[in-house]
Structure formats: structure tokens, C-alpha cells
C-alpha atoms as a PDB file:
ATOM      1  CA  MET A   1     -10.602  -7.596  15.239  1.00  0.00           C
ATOM      2  CA  ASN A   2     -11.940  -8.442  11.479  1.00  0.00           C
ATOM      3  CA  THR A   3     -15.818  -7.602  11.156  1.00  0.00           C
ATOM      4  CA  SER A   4     -18.659  -7.820   8.902  1.00  0.00           C
ATOM      5  CA  ILE A   5     -21.043  -5.150   7.908  1.00  0.00           C
ATOM      6  CA  LYS A   6     -23.079  -5.265   5.119  1.00  0.00           C
ATOM      7  CA  ILE A   7     -24.059  -2.356   4.143  1.00  0.00           C
ATOM      8  CA  THR A   8     -26.742  -0.925   1.043  1.00  0.00           C
ATOM      9  CA  ILE A   9     -25.921   0.854  -1.004  1.00  0.00           C
ATOM     10  CA  GLU A  10     -28.841   3.853  -2.256  1.00  0.00           C
ATOM     11  CA  ASP A  11     -29.504   6.750  -4.753  1.00  0.00           C
ATOM     12  CA  TRP A  12     -29.259  10.124  -2.835  1.00  0.00           C
ATOM     13  CA  ASP A  13     -29.769  12.749  -5.381  1.00  0.00           C
ATOM     14  CA  GLY A  14     -28.963  10.687  -8.748  1.00  0.00           C
ATOM     15  CA  ASP A  15     -25.061  10.010  -6.988  1.00  0.00           C
ATOM     16  CA  GLY A  16     -24.502   7.065  -5.229  1.00  0.00           C
ATOM     17  CA  ALA A  17     -23.845   6.711  -0.859  1.00  0.00           C
ATOM     18  CA  ILE A  18     -23.701   4.178   1.725  1.00  0.00           C
ATOM     19  CA  ARG A  19     -25.340   5.597   5.520  1.00  0.00           C
ATOM     20  CA  ILE A  20     -21.925   3.510   8.486  1.00  0.00           C
ATOM     21  CA  PRO A  21     -24.248   2.224  11.557  1.00  0.00           C
ATOM     22  CA  ASP A  22     -23.172   3.379  15.091  1.00  0.00           C
ATOM     23  CA  GLU A  23     -21.925   0.794  15.716  1.00  0.00           C
ATOM     24  CA  ALA A  24     -19.803   0.636  12.983  1.00  0.00           C
ATOM     25  CA  LEU A  25     -18.313   3.668  13.482  1.00  0.00           C
ATOM     26  CA  GLN A  26     -18.113   2.896  17.894  1.00  0.00           C
ATOM     27  CA  GLU A  27     -15.944  -0.205  16.692  1.00  0.00           C
ATOM     28  CA  MET A  28     -13.711   1.947  14.175  1.00  0.00           C
ATOM     29  CA  GLY A  29     -13.843   4.645  17.538  1.00  0.00           C
ATOM     30  CA  VAL A  30     -14.330   7.568  15.113  1.00  0.00           C
ATOM     31  CA  ASP A  31     -17.788   9.518  15.384  1.00  0.00           C
ATOM     32  CA  VAL A  32     -19.329  12.638  13.780  1.00  0.00           C
ATOM     33  CA  GLY A  33     -16.817  15.171  11.504  1.00  0.00           C
ATOM     34  CA  ASP A  34     -13.715  12.325  11.826  1.00  0.00           C
ATOM     35  CA  SER A  35     -11.906  11.842   8.561  1.00  0.00           C
ATOM     36  CA  LEU A  36     -12.019   8.298   7.147  1.00  0.00           C
ATOM     37  CA  TYR A  37     -11.273   6.773   3.785  1.00  0.00           C
ATOM     38  CA  LEU A  38     -11.483   4.236   1.861  1.00  0.00           C
ATOM     39  CA  VAL A  39      -9.186   2.161   0.164  1.00  0.00           C
ATOM     40  CA  GLU A  40      -8.878  -0.232  -3.296  1.00  0.00           C
ATOM     41  CA  GLU A  41      -7.357  -3.527  -1.167  1.00  0.00           C
ATOM     42  CA  PHE A  42      -6.726  -7.115  -2.364  1.00  0.00           C
ATOM     43  CA  VAL A  43      -7.750  -9.856  -0.292  1.00  0.00           C
ATOM     44  CA  GLY A  44      -6.080 -12.431  -2.425  1.00  0.00           C
ATOM     45  CA  ASN A  45      -7.086 -12.458  -5.646  1.00  0.00           C
ATOM     46  CA  ARG A  46     -10.408 -10.629  -5.113  1.00  0.00           C
ATOM     47  CA  GLN A  47     -10.715  -6.546  -5.021  1.00  0.00           C
ATOM     48  CA  CYS A  48     -12.518  -5.352  -2.342  1.00  0.00           C
ATOM     49  CA  LEU A  49     -13.028  -1.139  -1.262  1.00  0.00           C
ATOM     50  CA  ILE A  50     -12.421  -1.143   3.230  1.00  0.00           C
ATOM     51  CA  LEU A  51     -13.486   2.190   5.548  1.00  0.00           C
ATOM     52  CA  THR A  52     -10.103   2.779   8.057  1.00  0.00           C
ATOM     53  CA  SER A  53      -9.058   5.779   9.828  1.00  0.00           C
ATOM     54  CA  ALA A  54      -6.052   5.567   7.780  1.00  0.00           C
ATOM     55  CA  PRO A  55      -4.700   7.084   4.597  1.00  0.00           C
ATOM     56  CA  LYS A  56      -3.063   3.814   3.602  1.00  0.00           C
ATOM     57  CA  LEU A  57      -2.695   0.796   4.690  1.00  0.00           C
ATOM     58  CA  PRO A  58       1.077  -0.996   5.314  1.00  0.00           C
ATOM     59  CA  ASP A  59       2.002  -3.177   3.611  1.00  0.00           C
ATOM     60  CA  PRO A  60       2.588  -6.362   5.514  1.00  0.00           C
ATOM     61  CA  ILE A  61       6.338  -6.514   3.034  1.00  0.00           C
ATOM     62  CA  ASP A  62       7.095  -3.302   4.655  1.00  0.00           C
ATOM     63  CA  GLU A  63       6.136  -3.677   8.100  1.00  0.00           C
ATOM     64  CA  LEU A  64       8.275  -7.388   8.196  1.00  0.00           C
ATOM     65  CA  VAL A  65      10.974  -5.680   6.301  1.00  0.00           C
ATOM     66  CA  GLU A  66      11.002  -2.506   8.705  1.00  0.00           C
ATOM     67  CA  GLU A  67      10.648  -5.153  11.995  1.00  0.00           C
ATOM     68  CA  LEU A  68      13.477  -7.472  10.474  1.00  0.00           C
ATOM     69  CA  THR A  69      15.857  -3.680  10.024  1.00  0.00           C
ATOM     70  CA  GLN A  70      15.023  -3.186  13.764  1.00  0.00           C
ATOM     71  CA  SER A  71      16.185  -6.771  15.044  1.00  0.00           C
ATOM     72  CA  THR A  72      19.349  -6.450  13.232  1.00  0.00           C
ATOM     73  CA  GLN A  73      20.052  -3.205  14.309  1.00  0.00           C
ATOM     74  CA  ASN A  74      18.933  -3.801  17.932  1.00  0.00           C
ATOM     75  CA  LEU A  75      21.722  -7.119  18.483  1.00  0.00           C
ATOM     76  CA  ALA A  76      25.039  -6.656  20.379  1.00  0.00           C
ATOM     77  CA  VAL A  77      27.471  -8.145  17.877  1.00  0.00           C
ATOM     78  CA  ALA A  78      30.867  -8.753  20.402  1.00  0.00           C
ATOM     79  CA  PRO A  79      33.794  -8.356  19.174  1.00  0.00           C
ATOM     80  CA  ALA A  80      36.549 -10.968  18.021  1.00  0.00           C
ATOM     81  CA  THR A  81      38.779 -12.292  20.280  1.00  0.00           C
ATOM     82  CA  THR A  82      41.907 -14.247  19.773  1.00  0.00           C
ATOM     83  CA  ALA A  83      44.593 -16.418  21.596  1.00  0.00           C
ATOM     84  CA  MET A  84      47.499 -15.696  22.468  1.00  0.00           C
END
């Protein structure tokens, strides 16, 4: 499920800071003390920052190649028979 929550950048002793609402943490299944990653990605042609619990977002092409590779390996090829 994709959820969008507007977060305001606040000033914290001269640095930019964001507060992550409890509802967002609960939606992600994380709590105080857990590690999160801010990943730079492009959605279409727009640069976005994505908050995730994974250090890197999977590349859709890599996922497709892996799925195709597994599907090919799982195919059982019957030996050819010749008529005599």
C-alpha cells in the first residue's frame, strides 16, 4: 500500500529536521530505535526521497530478471524421442 504523508521540515538547532508521525511509523511497522533509510529515487522524471526500512530499494528490472531466471530453471525439458 502506498501512503503519502505531508511532513514539514523544521529547524533543529540550525539543522533541518523532520518529525515522523506515529501513524507513519505504525504503517511501516517500525518503532523508536529501529533504523530507517532515506533513499533517493526517481518516480517518472521527478526526484523523490523515500523513507524505507530497506537499505536499497529493489530495481524492478533486477526483480524481473531474477523471476525469469527462476522460471527458466524450473522448466523441465523432456528428452527428445526419435521414431524408428
